[in-house]
């Protein structure tokens, strides 16, 4: 993926990799889909147990978004896409 040379995307991927062990403990995972540079939105796909978990919104907001925002202040949101 050519976009992975973008420093913001590289940092997003690094942060997501750091979060994966916590998701693995619950039987889930997260995949990076894309980053909207205009609106500063990260699109991800929750998989495994996280995909249908009733707490997936909490995982997105309190786990993924808060961690990404702390590391990359320009991030304005994280959206789960179900493809």
PDB file of N, CA and C in Angstrom:
ATOM      1  N   UNK A   1       0.847  -1.171   0.000  1.00  0.00           N
ATOM      2  CA  UNK A   1       0.000   0.000   0.000  1.00  0.00           C
ATOM      3  C   UNK A   1       0.895   1.237   0.000  1.00  0.00           C
ATOM      4  N   UNK A   2       0.796   2.077  -1.003  1.00  0.00           N
ATOM      5  CA  UNK A   2       1.646   3.248  -1.167  1.00  0.00           C
ATOM      6  C   UNK A   2       1.480   4.237  -0.026  1.00  0.00           C
ATOM      7  N   UNK A   3       0.284   4.345   0.532  1.00  0.00           N
ATOM      8  CA  UNK A   3       0.015   5.294   1.607  1.00  0.00           C
ATOM      9  C   UNK A   3       0.813   5.000   2.871  1.00  0.00           C
ATOM     10  N   UNK A   4       1.308   3.769   3.020  1.00  0.00           N
ATOM     11  CA  UNK A   4       2.027   3.401   4.225  1.00  0.00           C
ATOM     12  C   UNK A   4       3.326   4.193   4.369  1.00  0.00           C
ATOM     13  N   UNK A   5       3.779   4.896   3.341  1.00  0.00           N
ATOM     14  CA  UNK A   5       4.970   5.726   3.434  1.00  0.00           C
ATOM     15  C   UNK A   5       4.657   7.069   4.077  1.00  0.00           C
ATOM     16  N   UNK A   6       3.398   7.369   4.244  1.00  0.00           N
ATOM     17  CA  UNK A   6       2.953   8.579   4.917  1.00  0.00           C
ATOM     18  C   UNK A   6       3.310   8.439   6.408  1.00  0.00           C
ATOM     19  N   UNK A   7       4.022   9.427   6.994  1.00  0.00           N
ATOM     20  CA  UNK A   7       4.426   9.306   8.400  1.00  0.00           C
ATOM     21  C   UNK A   7       3.257   9.153   9.367  1.00  0.00           C
ATOM     22  N   UNK A   8       2.134   9.789   9.078  1.00  0.00           N
ATOM     23  CA  UNK A   8       0.972   9.645   9.959  1.00  0.00           C
ATOM     24  C   UNK A   8       0.442   8.221   9.899  1.00  0.00           C
ATOM     25  N   UNK A   9       0.374   7.660   8.719  1.00  0.00           N
ATOM     26  CA  UNK A   9      -0.107   6.283   8.574  1.00  0.00           C
ATOM     27  C   UNK A   9       0.868   5.315   9.236  1.00  0.00           C
ATOM     28  N   UNK A  10       2.149   5.561   9.092  1.00  0.00           N
ATOM     29  CA  UNK A  10       3.139   4.701   9.744  1.00  0.00           C
ATOM     30  C   UNK A  10       2.938   4.719  11.260  1.00  0.00           C
ATOM     31  N   UNK A  11       2.670   5.892  11.823  1.00  0.00           N
ATOM     32  CA  UNK A  11       2.445   6.016  13.265  1.00  0.00           C
ATOM     33  C   UNK A  11       1.143   5.326  13.671  1.00  0.00           C
ATOM     34  N   UNK A  12       0.093   5.479  12.856  1.00  0.00           N
ATOM     35  CA  UNK A  12      -1.186   4.798  13.118  1.00  0.00           C
ATOM     36  C   UNK A  12      -0.953   3.290  13.173  1.00  0.00           C
ATOM     37  N   UNK A  13      -0.244   2.756  12.192  1.00  0.00           N
ATOM     38  CA  UNK A  13       0.032   1.319  12.150  1.00  0.00           C
ATOM     39  C   UNK A  13       0.820   0.874  13.380  1.00  0.00           C
ATOM     40  N   UNK A  14       1.764   1.691  13.796  1.00  0.00           N
ATOM     41  CA  UNK A  14       2.567   1.378  14.981  1.00  0.00           C
ATOM     42  C   UNK A  14       1.689   1.329  16.236  1.00  0.00           C
ATOM     43  N   UNK A  15       0.821   2.316  16.390  1.00  0.00           N
ATOM     44  CA  UNK A  15      -0.070   2.361  17.551  1.00  0.00           C
ATOM     45  C   UNK A  15      -1.021   1.167  17.538  1.00  0.00           C
ATOM     46  N   UNK A  16      -1.603   0.864  16.383  1.00  0.00           N
ATOM     47  CA  UNK A  16      -2.528  -0.267  16.290  1.00  0.00           C
ATOM     48  C   UNK A  16      -1.831  -1.578  16.628  1.00  0.00           C
ATOM     49  N   UNK A  17      -0.591  -1.737  16.183  1.00  0.00           N
ATOM     50  CA  UNK A  17       0.166  -2.952  16.501  1.00  0.00           C
ATOM     51  C   UNK A  17       0.341  -3.087  18.008  1.00  0.00           C
ATOM     52  N   UNK A  18       0.558  -1.964  18.686  1.00  0.00           N
ATOM     53  CA  UNK A  18       0.712  -1.985  20.133  1.00  0.00           C
ATOM     54  C   UNK A  18      -0.567  -2.346  20.870  1.00  0.00           C
ATOM     55  N   UNK A  19      -1.701  -2.097  20.246  1.00  0.00           N
ATOM     56  CA  UNK A  19      -2.996  -2.407  20.861  1.00  0.00           C
ATOM     57  C   UNK A  19      -3.454  -3.838  20.597  1.00  0.00           C
ATOM     58  N   UNK A  20      -2.931  -4.450  19.560  1.00  0.00           N
ATOM     59  CA  UNK A  20      -3.399  -5.784  19.168  1.00  0.00           C
ATOM     60  C   UNK A  20      -3.314  -6.834  20.276  1.00  0.00           C
ATOM     61  N   UNK A  21      -2.242  -6.860  21.083  1.00  0.00           N
ATOM     62  CA  UNK A  21      -2.204  -7.892  22.135  1.00  0.00           C
ATOM     63  C   UNK A  21      -3.402  -7.824  23.089  1.00  0.00           C
ATOM     64  N   UNK A  22      -3.896  -6.635  23.366  1.00  0.00           N
ATOM     65  CA  UNK A  22      -5.061  -6.494  24.238  1.00  0.00           C
ATOM     66  C   UNK A  22      -6.317  -7.039  23.570  1.00  0.00           C
ATOM     67  N   UNK A  23      -6.439  -6.817  22.276  1.00  0.00           N
ATOM     68  CA  UNK A  23      -7.586  -7.353  21.542  1.00  0.00           C
ATOM     69  C   UNK A  23      -7.484  -8.865  21.411  1.00  0.00           C
ATOM     70  N   UNK A  24      -6.256  -9.372  21.190  1.00  0.00           N
ATOM     71  CA  UNK A  24      -6.047 -10.819  21.083  1.00  0.00           C
ATOM     72  C   UNK A  24      -6.502 -11.540  22.349  1.00  0.00           C
ATOM     73  N   UNK A  25      -6.282 -10.904  23.514  1.00  0.00           N
ATOM     74  CA  UNK A  25      -6.670 -11.539  24.788  1.00  0.00           C
ATOM     75  C   UNK A  25      -8.168 -11.798  24.854  1.00  0.00           C
ATOM     76  N   UNK A  26      -8.941 -11.021  24.096  1.00  0.00           N
ATOM     77  CA  UNK A  26     -10.394 -11.180  24.082  1.00  0.00           C
ATOM     78  C   UNK A  26     -10.877 -11.917  22.831  1.00  0.00           C
ATOM     79  N   UNK A  27      -9.931 -12.402  22.029  1.00  0.00           N
ATOM     80  CA  UNK A  27     -10.288 -13.140  20.819  1.00  0.00           C
ATOM     81  C   UNK A  27     -10.555 -12.266  19.617  1.00  0.00           C
ATOM     82  N   UNK A  28     -10.139 -11.004  19.682  1.00  0.00           N
ATOM     83  CA  UNK A  28     -10.399 -10.074  18.582  1.00  0.00           C
ATOM     84  C   UNK A  28      -9.135  -9.574  17.927  1.00  0.00           C
ATOM     85  N   UNK A  29      -9.322  -8.660  17.004  1.00  0.00           N
ATOM     86  CA  UNK A  29      -8.217  -8.061  16.267  1.00  0.00           C
ATOM     87  C   UNK A  29      -8.721  -6.788  15.608  1.00  0.00           C
ATOM     88  N   UNK A  30      -7.790  -5.997  15.099  1.00  0.00           N
ATOM     89  CA  UNK A  30      -8.131  -4.782  14.371  1.00  0.00           C
ATOM     90  C   UNK A  30      -7.247  -4.709  13.136  1.00  0.00           C
ATOM     91  N   UNK A  31      -7.843  -4.282  12.025  1.00  0.00           N
ATOM     92  CA  UNK A  31      -7.112  -4.094  10.771  1.00  0.00           C
ATOM     93  C   UNK A  31      -7.227  -2.633  10.359  1.00  0.00           C
ATOM     94  N   UNK A  32      -6.133  -2.049   9.939  1.00  0.00           N
ATOM     95  CA  UNK A  32      -6.142  -0.700   9.391  1.00  0.00           C
ATOM     96  C   UNK A  32      -6.752  -0.758   7.995  1.00  0.00           C
ATOM     97  N   UNK A  33      -7.676   0.141   7.696  1.00  0.00           N
ATOM     98  CA  UNK A  33      -8.293   0.197   6.371  1.00  0.00           C
ATOM     99  C   UNK A  33      -7.760   1.401   5.602  1.00  0.00           C
ATOM    100  N   UNK A  34      -7.908   2.608   6.183  1.00  0.00           N
ATOM    101  CA  UNK A  34      -7.388   3.804   5.526  1.00  0.00           C
ATOM    102  C   UNK A  34      -7.389   4.970   6.497  1.00  0.00           C
ATOM    103  N   UNK A  35      -6.701   6.030   6.080  1.00  0.00           N
ATOM    104  CA  UNK A  35      -6.672   7.265   6.854  1.00  0.00           C
ATOM    105  C   UNK A  35      -7.115   8.396   5.950  1.00  0.00           C
ATOM    106  N   UNK A  36      -8.143   9.129   6.371  1.00  0.00           N
ATOM    107  CA  UNK A  36      -8.645  10.281   5.630  1.00  0.00           C
ATOM    108  C   UNK A  36      -7.878  11.505   6.125  1.00  0.00           C
ATOM    109  N   UNK A  37      -6.903  11.947   5.323  1.00  0.00           N
ATOM    110  CA  UNK A  37      -6.052  13.074   5.728  1.00  0.00           C
ATOM    111  C   UNK A  37      -6.819  14.385   5.818  1.00  0.00           C
ATOM    112  N   UNK A  38      -7.863  14.524   5.037  1.00  0.00           N
ATOM    113  CA  UNK A  38      -8.645  15.762   5.046  1.00  0.00           C
ATOM    114  C   UNK A  38      -9.396  15.938   6.363  1.00  0.00           C
ATOM    115  N   UNK A  39     -10.074  14.881   6.801  1.00  0.00           N
ATOM    116  CA  UNK A  39     -10.888  14.948   8.014  1.00  0.00           C
ATOM    117  C   UNK A  39     -10.190  14.346   9.234  1.00  0.00           C
ATOM    118  N   UNK A  40      -9.003  13.773   9.020  1.00  0.00           N
ATOM    119  CA  UNK A  40      -8.212  13.174  10.104  1.00  0.00           C
ATOM    120  C   UNK A  40      -8.961  12.045  10.804  1.00  0.00           C
ATOM    121  N   UNK A  41      -9.575  11.186   9.988  1.00  0.00           N
ATOM    122  CA  UNK A  41     -10.340  10.046  10.492  1.00  0.00           C
ATOM    123  C   UNK A  41      -9.604   8.758  10.119  1.00  0.00           C
ATOM    124  N   UNK A  42      -9.489   7.855  11.086  1.00  0.00           N
ATOM    125  CA  UNK A  42      -8.886   6.546  10.863  1.00  0.00           C
ATOM    126  C   UNK A  42     -10.017   5.539  10.686  1.00  0.00           C
ATOM    127  N   UNK A  43      -9.946   4.776   9.615  1.00  0.00           N
ATOM    128  CA  UNK A  43     -10.927   3.722   9.356  1.00  0.00           C
ATOM    129  C   UNK A  43     -10.268   2.383   9.653  1.00  0.00           C
ATOM    130  N   UNK A  44     -10.936   1.590  10.473  1.00  0.00           N
ATOM    131  CA  UNK A  44     -10.424   0.275  10.852  1.00  0.00           C
ATOM    132  C   UNK A  44     -11.525  -0.755  10.666  1.00  0.00           C
ATOM    133  N   UNK A  45     -11.127  -2.004  10.757  1.00  0.00           N
ATOM    134  CA  UNK A  45     -12.092  -3.108  10.723  1.00  0.00           C
ATOM    135  C   UNK A  45     -11.826  -3.973  11.948  1.00  0.00           C
ATOM    136  N   UNK A  46     -12.793  -4.044  12.842  1.00  0.00           N
ATOM    137  CA  UNK A  46     -12.691  -4.948  13.978  1.00  0.00           C
ATOM    138  C   UNK A  46     -13.050  -6.346  13.499  1.00  0.00           C
ATOM    139  N   UNK A  47     -12.256  -7.329  13.916  1.00  0.00           N
ATOM    140  CA  UNK A  47     -12.479  -8.705  13.480  1.00  0.00           C
ATOM    141  C   UNK A  47     -12.487  -9.633  14.691  1.00  0.00           C
ATOM    142  N   UNK A  48     -12.760 -10.898  14.423  1.00  0.00           N
ATOM    143  CA  UNK A  48     -12.811 -11.887  15.491  1.00  0.00           C
ATOM    144  C   UNK A  48     -13.938 -11.572  16.450  1.00  0.00           C
ATOM    145  N   UNK A  49     -13.683 -11.796  17.726  1.00  0.00           N
ATOM    146  CA  UNK A  49     -14.704 -11.565  18.750  1.00  0.00           C
ATOM    147  C   UNK A  49     -15.093 -10.096  18.837  1.00  0.00           C
ATOM    148  N   UNK A  50     -14.190  -9.197  18.454  1.00  0.00           N
ATOM    149  CA  UNK A  50     -14.487  -7.755  18.519  1.00  0.00           C
ATOM    150  C   UNK A  50     -15.554  -7.337  17.509  1.00  0.00           C
ATOM    151  N   UNK A  51     -15.660  -8.079  16.429  1.00  0.00           N
ATOM    152  CA  UNK A  51     -16.584  -7.703  15.351  1.00  0.00           C
ATOM    153  C   UNK A  51     -18.026  -7.601  15.834  1.00  0.00           C
ATOM    154  N   UNK A  52     -18.459  -8.558  16.609  1.00  0.00           N
ATOM    155  CA  UNK A  52     -19.855  -8.599  17.046  1.00  0.00           C
ATOM    156  C   UNK A  52     -20.037  -8.324  18.534  1.00  0.00           C
ATOM    157  N   UNK A  53     -18.991  -7.879  19.181  1.00  0.00           N
ATOM    158  CA  UNK A  53     -19.051  -7.646  20.621  1.00  0.00           C
ATOM    159  C   UNK A  53     -19.929  -6.440  20.941  1.00  0.00           C
ATOM    160  N   UNK A  54     -20.709  -6.555  22.003  1.00  0.00           N
ATOM    161  CA  UNK A  54     -21.572  -5.441  22.395  1.00  0.00           C
ATOM    162  C   UNK A  54     -20.776  -4.255  22.935  1.00  0.00           C
ATOM    163  N   UNK A  55     -19.498  -4.468  23.207  1.00  0.00           N
ATOM    164  CA  UNK A  55     -18.637  -3.386  23.696  1.00  0.00           C
ATOM    165  C   UNK A  55     -17.737  -2.816  22.603  1.00  0.00           C
ATOM    166  N   UNK A  56     -18.001  -3.134  21.354  1.00  0.00           N
ATOM    167  CA  UNK A  56     -17.119  -2.674  20.273  1.00  0.00           C
ATOM    168  C   UNK A  56     -17.070  -1.147  20.176  1.00  0.00           C
ATOM    169  N   UNK A  57     -18.181  -0.469  20.471  1.00  0.00           N
ATOM    170  CA  UNK A  57     -18.156   1.004  20.458  1.00  0.00           C
ATOM    171  C   UNK A  57     -17.221   1.538  21.542  1.00  0.00           C
ATOM    172  N   UNK A  58     -17.227   0.896  22.703  1.00  0.00           N
ATOM    173  CA  UNK A  58     -16.310   1.289  23.776  1.00  0.00           C
ATOM    174  C   UNK A  58     -14.867   1.039  23.358  1.00  0.00           C
ATOM    175  N   UNK A  59     -14.621  -0.087  22.708  1.00  0.00           N
ATOM    176  CA  UNK A  59     -13.274  -0.394  22.231  1.00  0.00           C
ATOM    177  C   UNK A  59     -12.808   0.671  21.258  1.00  0.00           C
ATOM    178  N   UNK A  60     -13.685   1.062  20.340  1.00  0.00           N
ATOM    179  CA  UNK A  60     -13.330   2.096  19.367  1.00  0.00           C
ATOM    180  C   UNK A  60     -13.050   3.427  20.043  1.00  0.00           C
ATOM    181  N   UNK A  61     -13.951   3.867  20.905  1.00  0.00           N
ATOM    182  CA  UNK A  61     -13.847   5.192  21.508  1.00  0.00           C
ATOM    183  C   UNK A  61     -12.794   5.252  22.611  1.00  0.00           C
ATOM    184  N   UNK A  62     -12.897   4.351  23.571  1.00  0.00           N
ATOM    185  CA  UNK A  62     -12.047   4.427  24.756  1.00  0.00           C
ATOM    186  C   UNK A  62     -10.704   3.716  24.600  1.00  0.00           C
ATOM    187  N   UNK A  63     -10.621   2.833  23.636  1.00  0.00           N
ATOM    188  CA  UNK A  63      -9.363   2.130  23.415  1.00  0.00           C
ATOM    189  C   UNK A  63      -8.610   2.682  22.229  1.00  0.00           C
ATOM    190  N   UNK A  64      -9.145   2.454  21.056  1.00  0.00           N
ATOM    191  CA  UNK A  64      -8.442   2.838  19.838  1.00  0.00           C
ATOM    192  C   UNK A  64      -8.339   4.351  19.672  1.00  0.00           C
ATOM    193  N   UNK A  65      -9.466   5.050  19.730  1.00  0.00           N
ATOM    194  CA  UNK A  65      -9.437   6.495  19.497  1.00  0.00           C
ATOM    195  C   UNK A  65      -8.589   7.215  20.542  1.00  0.00           C
ATOM    196  N   UNK A  66      -8.824   6.941  21.806  1.00  0.00           N
ATOM    197  CA  UNK A  66      -8.092   7.651  22.862  1.00  0.00           C
ATOM    198  C   UNK A  66      -6.586   7.404  22.760  1.00  0.00           C
ATOM    199  N   UNK A  67      -6.197   6.192  22.438  1.00  0.00           N
ATOM    200  CA  UNK A  67      -4.771   5.875  22.312  1.00  0.00           C
ATOM    201  C   UNK A  67      -4.178   6.549  21.086  1.00  0.00           C
ATOM    202  N   UNK A  68      -4.890   6.467  19.952  1.00  0.00           N
ATOM    203  CA  UNK A  68      -4.398   7.139  18.739  1.00  0.00           C
ATOM    204  C   UNK A  68      -4.311   8.644  18.953  1.00  0.00           C
ATOM    205  N   UNK A  69      -5.321   9.237  19.569  1.00  0.00           N
ATOM    206  CA  UNK A  69      -5.351  10.679  19.811  1.00  0.00           C
ATOM    207  C   UNK A  69      -4.191  11.117  20.712  1.00  0.00           C
ATOM    208  N   UNK A  70      -3.863  10.300  21.702  1.00  0.00           N
ATOM    209  CA  UNK A  70      -2.754  10.618  22.603  1.00  0.00           C
ATOM    210  C   UNK A  70      -1.416  10.612  21.860  1.00  0.00           C
ATOM    211  N   UNK A  71      -1.280   9.702  20.903  1.00  0.00           N
ATOM    212  CA  UNK A  71      -0.034   9.580  20.150  1.00  0.00           C
ATOM    213  C   UNK A  71       0.019  10.491  18.925  1.00  0.00           C
ATOM    214  N   UNK A  72      -1.156  10.744  18.329  1.00  0.00           N
ATOM    215  CA  UNK A  72      -1.249  11.535  17.092  1.00  0.00           C
ATOM    216  C   UNK A  72      -2.375  12.555  17.309  1.00  0.00           C
ATOM    217  N   UNK A  73      -2.053  13.711  17.863  1.00  0.00           N
ATOM    218  CA  UNK A  73      -3.090  14.679  18.262  1.00  0.00           C
ATOM    219  C   UNK A  73      -4.046  15.124  17.157  1.00  0.00           C
ATOM    220  N   UNK A  74      -3.632  15.066  15.906  1.00  0.00           N
ATOM    221  CA  UNK A  74      -4.525  15.521  14.834  1.00  0.00           C
ATOM    222  C   UNK A  74      -5.665  14.545  14.524  1.00  0.00           C
ATOM    223  N   UNK A  75      -5.598  13.330  15.034  1.00  0.00           N
ATOM    224  CA  UNK A  75      -6.660  12.350  14.789  1.00  0.00           C
ATOM    225  C   UNK A  75      -7.964  12.861  15.410  1.00  0.00           C
ATOM    226  N   UNK A  76      -9.029  12.868  14.614  1.00  0.00           N
ATOM    227  CA  UNK A  76     -10.324  13.383  15.057  1.00  0.00           C
ATOM    228  C   UNK A  76     -11.364  12.290  15.277  1.00  0.00           C
ATOM    229  N   UNK A  77     -11.065  11.071  14.846  1.00  0.00           N
ATOM    230  CA  UNK A  77     -12.034   9.999  15.047  1.00  0.00           C
ATOM    231  C   UNK A  77     -11.549   8.689  14.489  1.00  0.00           C
ATOM    232  N   UNK A  78     -12.209   7.616  14.937  1.00  0.00           N
ATOM    233  CA  UNK A  78     -11.950   6.270  14.450  1.00  0.00           C
ATOM    234  C   UNK A  78     -13.303   5.668  14.097  1.00  0.00           C
ATOM    235  N   UNK A  79     -13.389   5.123  12.900  1.00  0.00           N
ATOM    236  CA  UNK A  79     -14.642   4.531  12.425  1.00  0.00           C
ATOM    237  C   UNK A  79     -14.382   3.082  12.046  1.00  0.00           C
ATOM    238  N   UNK A  80     -15.244   2.198  12.544  1.00  0.00           N
ATOM    239  CA  UNK A  80     -15.189   0.790  12.181  1.00  0.00           C
ATOM    240  C   UNK A  80     -15.994   0.582  10.895  1.00  0.00           C
ATOM    241  N   UNK A  81     -15.374  -0.034   9.924  1.00  0.00           N
ATOM    242  CA  UNK A  81     -16.079  -0.350   8.679  1.00  0.00           C
ATOM    243  C   UNK A  81     -16.260  -1.859   8.607  1.00  0.00           C
ATOM    244  N   UNK A  82     -17.421  -2.278   8.219  1.00  0.00           N
ATOM    245  CA  UNK A  82     -17.731  -3.698   8.122  1.00  0.00           C
ATOM    246  C   UNK A  82     -17.837  -4.056   6.651  1.00  0.00           C
ATOM    247  N   UNK A  83     -16.758  -4.617   6.131  1.00  0.00           N
ATOM    248  CA  UNK A  83     -16.716  -4.947   4.691  1.00  0.00           C
ATOM    249  C   UNK A  83     -16.754  -6.437   4.530  1.00  0.00           C
TER     250      UNK A  83
END
